[in-house]
PDB file of N, CA and C in Angstrom:
ATOM      1  N   MET A   1     -78.646 -24.311  32.546  1.00  0.00           N
ATOM      2  CA  MET A   1     -79.129 -25.416  34.564  1.00  0.00           C
ATOM      3  C   MET A   1     -78.078 -25.256  35.177  1.00  0.00           C
ATOM      4  N   PRO A   2     -78.779 -25.496  36.231  1.00  0.00           N
ATOM      5  CA  PRO A   2     -77.275 -24.703  36.972  1.00  0.00           C
ATOM      6  C   PRO A   2     -76.874 -26.617  37.545  1.00  0.00           C
ATOM      7  N   ILE A   3     -75.803 -26.643  38.072  1.00  0.00           N
ATOM      8  CA  ILE A   3     -74.826 -27.956  38.697  1.00  0.00           C
ATOM      9  C   ILE A   3     -73.970 -27.026  39.594  1.00  0.00           C
ATOM     10  N   ASP A   4     -73.692 -28.271  39.964  1.00  0.00           N
ATOM     11  CA  ASP A   4     -72.472 -27.578  40.947  1.00  0.00           C
ATOM     12  C   ASP A   4     -71.047 -28.168  40.721  1.00  0.00           C
ATOM     13  N   ILE A   5     -70.186 -27.059  41.020  1.00  0.00           N
ATOM     14  CA  ILE A   5     -69.132 -27.330  40.541  1.00  0.00           C
ATOM     15  C   ILE A   5     -68.005 -27.475  41.653  1.00  0.00           C
ATOM     16  N   GLN A   6     -67.354 -27.812  41.562  1.00  0.00           N
ATOM     17  CA  GLN A   6     -65.849 -27.587  42.517  1.00  0.00           C
ATOM     18  C   GLN A   6     -64.857 -26.787  43.026  1.00  0.00           C
ATOM     19  N   HIS A   7     -63.812 -26.368  43.298  1.00  0.00           N
ATOM     20  CA  HIS A   7     -63.039 -24.970  43.318  1.00  0.00           C
ATOM     21  C   HIS A   7     -61.967 -24.955  42.314  1.00  0.00           C
ATOM     22  N   ASP A   8     -61.691 -25.909  41.738  1.00  0.00           N
ATOM     23  CA  ASP A   8     -60.715 -26.131  40.560  1.00  0.00           C
ATOM     24  C   ASP A   8     -61.229 -26.039  39.488  1.00  0.00           C
ATOM     25  N   GLU A   9     -62.710 -26.312  38.886  1.00  0.00           N
ATOM     26  CA  GLU A   9     -63.215 -25.956  37.777  1.00  0.00           C
ATOM     27  C   GLU A   9     -64.106 -24.745  38.324  1.00  0.00           C
ATOM     28  N   VAL A  10     -64.235 -24.065  39.118  1.00  0.00           N
ATOM     29  CA  VAL A  10     -64.413 -22.519  39.353  1.00  0.00           C
ATOM     30  C   VAL A  10     -63.194 -21.286  38.618  1.00  0.00           C
ATOM     31  N   GLN A  11     -62.101 -22.037  39.427  1.00  0.00           N
ATOM     32  CA  GLN A  11     -60.598 -21.630  39.406  1.00  0.00           C
ATOM     33  C   GLN A  11     -60.481 -21.546  37.229  1.00  0.00           C
ATOM     34  N   ARG A  12     -61.468 -22.531  36.547  1.00  0.00           N
ATOM     35  CA  ARG A  12     -60.650 -23.036  35.518  1.00  0.00           C
ATOM     36  C   ARG A  12     -61.142 -21.842  34.615  1.00  0.00           C
ATOM     37  N   LEU A  13     -63.032 -22.088  35.318  1.00  0.00           N
ATOM     38  CA  LEU A  13     -63.780 -21.048  34.798  1.00  0.00           C
ATOM     39  C   LEU A  13     -63.496 -19.682  34.801  1.00  0.00           C
ATOM     40  N   ILE A  14     -63.041 -19.167  35.371  1.00  0.00           N
ATOM     41  CA  ILE A  14     -62.907 -18.109  35.735  1.00  0.00           C
ATOM     42  C   ILE A  14     -61.804 -17.430  34.769  1.00  0.00           C
ATOM     43  N   ALA A  15     -60.668 -18.242  34.463  1.00  0.00           N
ATOM     44  CA  ALA A  15     -59.489 -18.258  33.291  1.00  0.00           C
ATOM     45  C   ALA A  15     -60.100 -17.929  32.257  1.00  0.00           C
ATOM     46  N   ALA A  16     -61.020 -18.385  32.492  1.00  0.00           N
ATOM     47  CA  ALA A  16     -61.747 -18.637  30.516  1.00  0.00           C
ATOM     48  C   ALA A  16     -62.449 -17.953  30.338  1.00  0.00           C
ATOM     49  N   GLY A  17     -62.829 -16.172  31.461  1.00  0.00           N
ATOM     50  CA  GLY A  17     -63.995 -15.777  31.800  1.00  0.00           C
ATOM     51  C   GLY A  17     -65.247 -15.283  31.716  1.00  0.00           C
ATOM     52  N   ALA A  18     -65.469 -16.946  33.270  1.00  0.00           N
ATOM     53  CA  ALA A  18     -66.499 -16.546  33.626  1.00  0.00           C
ATOM     54  C   ALA A  18     -67.132 -15.229  34.261  1.00  0.00           C
ATOM     55  N   GLN A  19     -67.928 -15.149  34.830  1.00  0.00           N
ATOM     56  CA  GLN A  19     -68.602 -13.743  35.973  1.00  0.00           C
ATOM     57  C   GLN A  19     -68.812 -14.910  37.397  1.00  0.00           C
ATOM     58  N   LEU A  20     -68.719 -14.483  38.065  1.00  0.00           N
ATOM     59  CA  LEU A  20     -68.373 -14.997  39.447  1.00  0.00           C
ATOM     60  C   LEU A  20     -69.528 -13.849  40.093  1.00  0.00           C
ATOM     61  N   VAL A  21     -70.910 -13.718  40.978  1.00  0.00           N
ATOM     62  CA  VAL A  21     -71.598 -13.491  41.042  1.00  0.00           C
ATOM     63  C   VAL A  21     -71.876 -13.829  42.430  1.00  0.00           C
ATOM     64  N   ASP A  22     -71.694 -12.696  43.541  1.00  0.00           N
ATOM     65  CA  ASP A  22     -72.322 -13.527  45.065  1.00  0.00           C
ATOM     66  C   ASP A  22     -73.471 -12.947  45.204  1.00  0.00           C
ATOM     67  N   VAL A  23     -74.554 -14.164  45.527  1.00  0.00           N
ATOM     68  CA  VAL A  23     -75.766 -13.603  46.147  1.00  0.00           C
ATOM     69  C   VAL A  23     -75.842 -12.982  47.718  1.00  0.00           C
ATOM     70  N   LEU A  24     -74.544 -13.057  48.721  1.00  0.00           N
ATOM     71  CA  LEU A  24     -75.297 -12.691  49.691  1.00  0.00           C
ATOM     72  C   LEU A  24     -76.028 -11.631  49.717  1.00  0.00           C
ATOM     73  N   PRO A  25     -76.352 -11.491  50.711  1.00  0.00           N
ATOM     74  CA  PRO A  25     -76.737  -9.482  51.246  1.00  0.00           C
ATOM     75  C   PRO A  25     -75.818  -8.625  50.950  1.00  0.00           C
ATOM     76  N   ARG A  26     -76.103  -7.639  50.545  1.00  0.00           N
ATOM     77  CA  ARG A  26     -74.756  -6.560  49.992  1.00  0.00           C
ATOM     78  C   ARG A  26     -73.610  -6.771  50.850  1.00  0.00           C
ATOM     79  N   GLU A  27     -74.032  -6.263  52.511  1.00  0.00           N
ATOM     80  CA  GLU A  27     -73.632  -6.139  53.719  1.00  0.00           C
ATOM     81  C   GLU A  27     -72.243  -7.406  54.634  1.00  0.00           C
ATOM     82  N   GLU A  28     -72.976  -8.507  53.733  1.00  0.00           N
ATOM     83  CA  GLU A  28     -71.852  -9.280  53.685  1.00  0.00           C
ATOM     84  C   GLU A  28     -71.197  -9.288  52.885  1.00  0.00           C
ATOM     85  N   TYR A  29     -71.417  -9.153  51.776  1.00  0.00           N
ATOM     86  CA  TYR A  29     -70.783  -8.760  50.216  1.00  0.00           C
ATOM     87  C   TYR A  29     -69.531  -7.600  50.484  1.00  0.00           C
ATOM     88  N   ASP A  30     -70.180  -6.251  51.271  1.00  0.00           N
ATOM     89  CA  ASP A  30     -69.165  -5.263  51.581  1.00  0.00           C
ATOM     90  C   ASP A  30     -67.796  -5.791  52.461  1.00  0.00           C
ATOM     91  N   ALA A  31     -68.135  -7.074  53.391  1.00  0.00           N
ATOM     92  CA  ALA A  31     -67.775  -7.310  54.923  1.00  0.00           C
ATOM     93  C   ALA A  31     -66.207  -8.860  53.848  1.00  0.00           C
ATOM     94  N   GLU A  32     -66.966  -9.129  53.171  1.00  0.00           N
ATOM     95  CA  GLU A  32     -66.164  -9.980  52.511  1.00  0.00           C
ATOM     96  C   GLU A  32     -66.107 -10.718  51.355  1.00  0.00           C
ATOM     97  N   HIS A  33     -65.622 -11.012  50.310  1.00  0.00           N
ATOM     98  CA  HIS A  33     -66.177 -11.703  48.795  1.00  0.00           C
ATOM     99  C   HIS A  33     -64.854 -12.114  48.452  1.00  0.00           C
ATOM    100  N   ILE A  34     -65.041 -13.009  47.301  1.00  0.00           N
ATOM    101  CA  ILE A  34     -64.053 -13.234  45.771  1.00  0.00           C
ATOM    102  C   ILE A  34     -63.642 -12.275  45.767  1.00  0.00           C
ATOM    103  N   THR A  35     -62.559 -12.376  44.690  1.00  0.00           N
ATOM    104  CA  THR A  35     -62.345 -10.527  44.085  1.00  0.00           C
ATOM    105  C   THR A  35     -62.723 -10.895  42.664  1.00  0.00           C
ATOM    106  N   GLY A  36     -63.547  -9.959  42.921  1.00  0.00           N
ATOM    107  CA  GLY A  36     -63.845  -9.771  41.079  1.00  0.00           C
ATOM    108  C   GLY A  36     -64.971 -10.025  41.047  1.00  0.00           C
ATOM    109  N   ALA A  37     -66.137 -10.681  41.651  1.00  0.00           N
ATOM    110  CA  ALA A  37     -66.991 -11.041  42.352  1.00  0.00           C
ATOM    111  C   ALA A  37     -68.105 -10.020  41.967  1.00  0.00           C
ATOM    112  N   ILE A  38     -69.282 -10.049  41.507  1.00  0.00           N
ATOM    113  CA  ILE A  38     -69.919  -9.072  41.517  1.00  0.00           C
ATOM    114  C   ILE A  38     -71.130  -9.233  42.321  1.00  0.00           C
ATOM    115  N   SER A  39     -71.525  -8.342  42.590  1.00  0.00           N
ATOM    116  CA  SER A  39     -73.240  -8.425  43.855  1.00  0.00           C
ATOM    117  C   SER A  39     -74.429  -8.390  42.730  1.00  0.00           C
ATOM    118  N   ILE A  40     -74.752  -9.177  43.670  1.00  0.00           N
ATOM    119  CA  ILE A  40     -76.001  -8.888  43.413  1.00  0.00           C
ATOM    120  C   ILE A  40     -76.874  -9.980  44.088  1.00  0.00           C
ATOM    121  N   PRO A  41     -77.516  -8.881  45.213  1.00  0.00           N
ATOM    122  CA  PRO A  41     -78.321 -10.038  46.171  1.00  0.00           C
ATOM    123  C   PRO A  41     -78.848 -11.051  46.106  1.00  0.00           C
ATOM    124  N   LEU A  42     -79.466 -12.009  46.323  1.00  0.00           N
ATOM    125  CA  LEU A  42     -80.811 -13.255  45.942  1.00  0.00           C
ATOM    126  C   LEU A  42     -82.003 -12.326  45.557  1.00  0.00           C
ATOM    127  N   LYS A  43     -82.326 -11.682  46.712  1.00  0.00           N
ATOM    128  CA  LYS A  43     -83.757 -10.969  46.700  1.00  0.00           C
ATOM    129  C   LYS A  43     -83.411 -10.225  46.171  1.00  0.00           C
ATOM    130  N   GLU A  44     -82.425  -9.811  45.341  1.00  0.00           N
ATOM    131  CA  GLU A  44     -82.801  -8.931  43.806  1.00  0.00           C
ATOM    132  C   GLU A  44     -82.209  -9.428  42.679  1.00  0.00           C
ATOM    133  N   LEU A  45     -81.846 -11.366  42.690  1.00  0.00           N
ATOM    134  CA  LEU A  45     -81.890 -11.503  41.121  1.00  0.00           C
ATOM    135  C   LEU A  45     -82.851 -11.317  40.744  1.00  0.00           C
ATOM    136  N   ASP A  46     -83.316 -11.324  39.307  1.00  0.00           N
ATOM    137  CA  ASP A  46     -83.937 -10.737  38.892  1.00  0.00           C
ATOM    138  C   ASP A  46     -83.645 -10.220  37.309  1.00  0.00           C
ATOM    139  N   GLN A  47     -84.688 -10.610  36.469  1.00  0.00           N
ATOM    140  CA  GLN A  47     -83.854  -9.780  34.952  1.00  0.00           C
ATOM    141  C   GLN A  47     -83.524  -8.455  34.962  1.00  0.00           C
ATOM    142  N   GLN A  48     -83.789  -7.682  35.749  1.00  0.00           N
ATOM    143  CA  GLN A  48     -83.103  -6.081  35.607  1.00  0.00           C
ATOM    144  C   GLN A  48     -81.914  -6.727  36.222  1.00  0.00           C
ATOM    145  N   SER A  49     -81.673  -7.092  37.201  1.00  0.00           N
ATOM    146  CA  SER A  49     -80.483  -6.949  38.036  1.00  0.00           C
ATOM    147  C   SER A  49     -79.435  -7.436  37.235  1.00  0.00           C
ATOM    148  N   THR A  50     -79.752  -8.626  36.425  1.00  0.00           N
ATOM    149  CA  THR A  50     -79.069  -9.487  35.448  1.00  0.00           C
ATOM    150  C   THR A  50     -78.646  -8.838  34.117  1.00  0.00           C
ATOM    151  N   ALA A  51     -79.007  -7.594  33.969  1.00  0.00           N
ATOM    152  CA  ALA A  51     -79.296  -7.458  32.076  1.00  0.00           C
ATOM    153  C   ALA A  51     -78.144  -7.359  31.870  1.00  0.00           C
ATOM    154  N   LEU A  52     -77.035  -6.747  33.222  1.00  0.00           N
ATOM    155  CA  LEU A  52     -75.270  -6.148  32.992  1.00  0.00           C
ATOM    156  C   LEU A  52     -74.600  -7.479  32.648  1.00  0.00           C
ATOM    157  N   LEU A  53     -75.106  -8.493  33.100  1.00  0.00           N
ATOM    158  CA  LEU A  53     -74.126  -9.953  32.821  1.00  0.00           C
ATOM    159  C   LEU A  53     -73.780  -9.808  31.080  1.00  0.00           C
ATOM    160  N   ASP A  54     -72.843 -10.313  30.855  1.00  0.00           N
ATOM    161  CA  ASP A  54     -73.027 -10.854  29.263  1.00  0.00           C
ATOM    162  C   ASP A  54     -73.108 -12.145  29.286  1.00  0.00           C
ATOM    163  N   ARG A  55     -74.191 -12.241  28.680  1.00  0.00           N
ATOM    164  CA  ARG A  55     -75.109 -13.453  28.008  1.00  0.00           C
ATOM    165  C   ARG A  55     -74.280 -15.266  27.627  1.00  0.00           C
ATOM    166  N   ASP A  56     -73.173 -13.946  27.024  1.00  0.00           N
ATOM    167  CA  ASP A  56     -72.297 -14.882  25.594  1.00  0.00           C
ATOM    168  C   ASP A  56     -70.568 -15.609  26.629  1.00  0.00           C
ATOM    169  N   ARG A  57     -71.206 -14.972  28.308  1.00  0.00           N
ATOM    170  CA  ARG A  57     -69.721 -15.960  28.765  1.00  0.00           C
ATOM    171  C   ARG A  57     -70.674 -16.581  30.167  1.00  0.00           C
ATOM    172  N   PRO A  58     -70.296 -17.703  30.764  1.00  0.00           N
ATOM    173  CA  PRO A  58     -70.689 -18.040  31.585  1.00  0.00           C
ATOM    174  C   PRO A  58     -70.923 -17.368  32.465  1.00  0.00           C
ATOM    175  N   VAL A  59     -71.965 -17.936  33.753  1.00  0.00           N
ATOM    176  CA  VAL A  59     -72.005 -17.551  35.269  1.00  0.00           C
ATOM    177  C   VAL A  59     -72.138 -18.275  36.129  1.00  0.00           C
ATOM    178  N   ILE A  60     -71.092 -17.851  37.029  1.00  0.00           N
ATOM    179  CA  ILE A  60     -71.220 -18.849  38.359  1.00  0.00           C
ATOM    180  C   ILE A  60     -71.910 -18.289  39.054  1.00  0.00           C
ATOM    181  N   VAL A  61     -72.360 -18.785  39.926  1.00  0.00           N
ATOM    182  CA  VAL A  61     -73.686 -17.931  41.697  1.00  0.00           C
ATOM    183  C   VAL A  61     -73.153 -18.942  42.820  1.00  0.00           C
ATOM    184  N   TYR A  62     -72.233 -17.232  43.520  1.00  0.00           N
ATOM    185  CA  TYR A  62     -71.929 -18.129  44.285  1.00  0.00           C
ATOM    186  C   TYR A  62     -72.827 -17.774  46.212  1.00  0.00           C
ATOM    187  N   CYS A  63     -72.900 -18.693  47.236  1.00  0.00           N
ATOM    188  CA  CYS A  63     -73.391 -17.593  48.004  1.00  0.00           C
ATOM    189  C   CYS A  63     -71.983 -18.492  49.445  1.00  0.00           C
ATOM    190  N   TRP A  64     -72.001 -17.956  50.599  1.00  0.00           N
ATOM    191  CA  TRP A  64     -71.182 -18.843  52.179  1.00  0.00           C
ATOM    192  C   TRP A  64     -71.985 -18.402  52.778  1.00  0.00           C
ATOM    193  N   ASP A  65     -72.948 -19.393  53.468  1.00  0.00           N
ATOM    194  CA  ASP A  65     -73.328 -19.002  54.290  1.00  0.00           C
ATOM    195  C   ASP A  65     -73.378 -20.474  55.589  1.00  0.00           C
ATOM    196  N   LEU A  66     -72.434 -19.883  56.840  1.00  0.00           N
ATOM    197  CA  LEU A  66     -72.052 -20.663  57.807  1.00  0.00           C
ATOM    198  C   LEU A  66     -73.430 -21.723  58.585  1.00  0.00           C
ATOM    199  N   LEU A  67     -74.903 -21.764  58.108  1.00  0.00           N
ATOM    200  CA  LEU A  67     -75.457 -21.841  58.680  1.00  0.00           C
ATOM    201  C   LEU A  67     -75.987 -23.223  57.469  1.00  0.00           C
TER     202      LEU A  67
END
């Protein structure tokens, strides 16, 4: 179940091994993203594109949009 978390919790989860997924379009990911983030554009987010994620580790999904 998705939940909102704050910056400190993101840092704690990443330090504990969480996977960070950026869902912005590839061009925006290429221009700027958080180091270590995995790119899976939202329009491509499906069972196949997430198959490489480790199901035993938490997943943090983020999108930075100024609109």
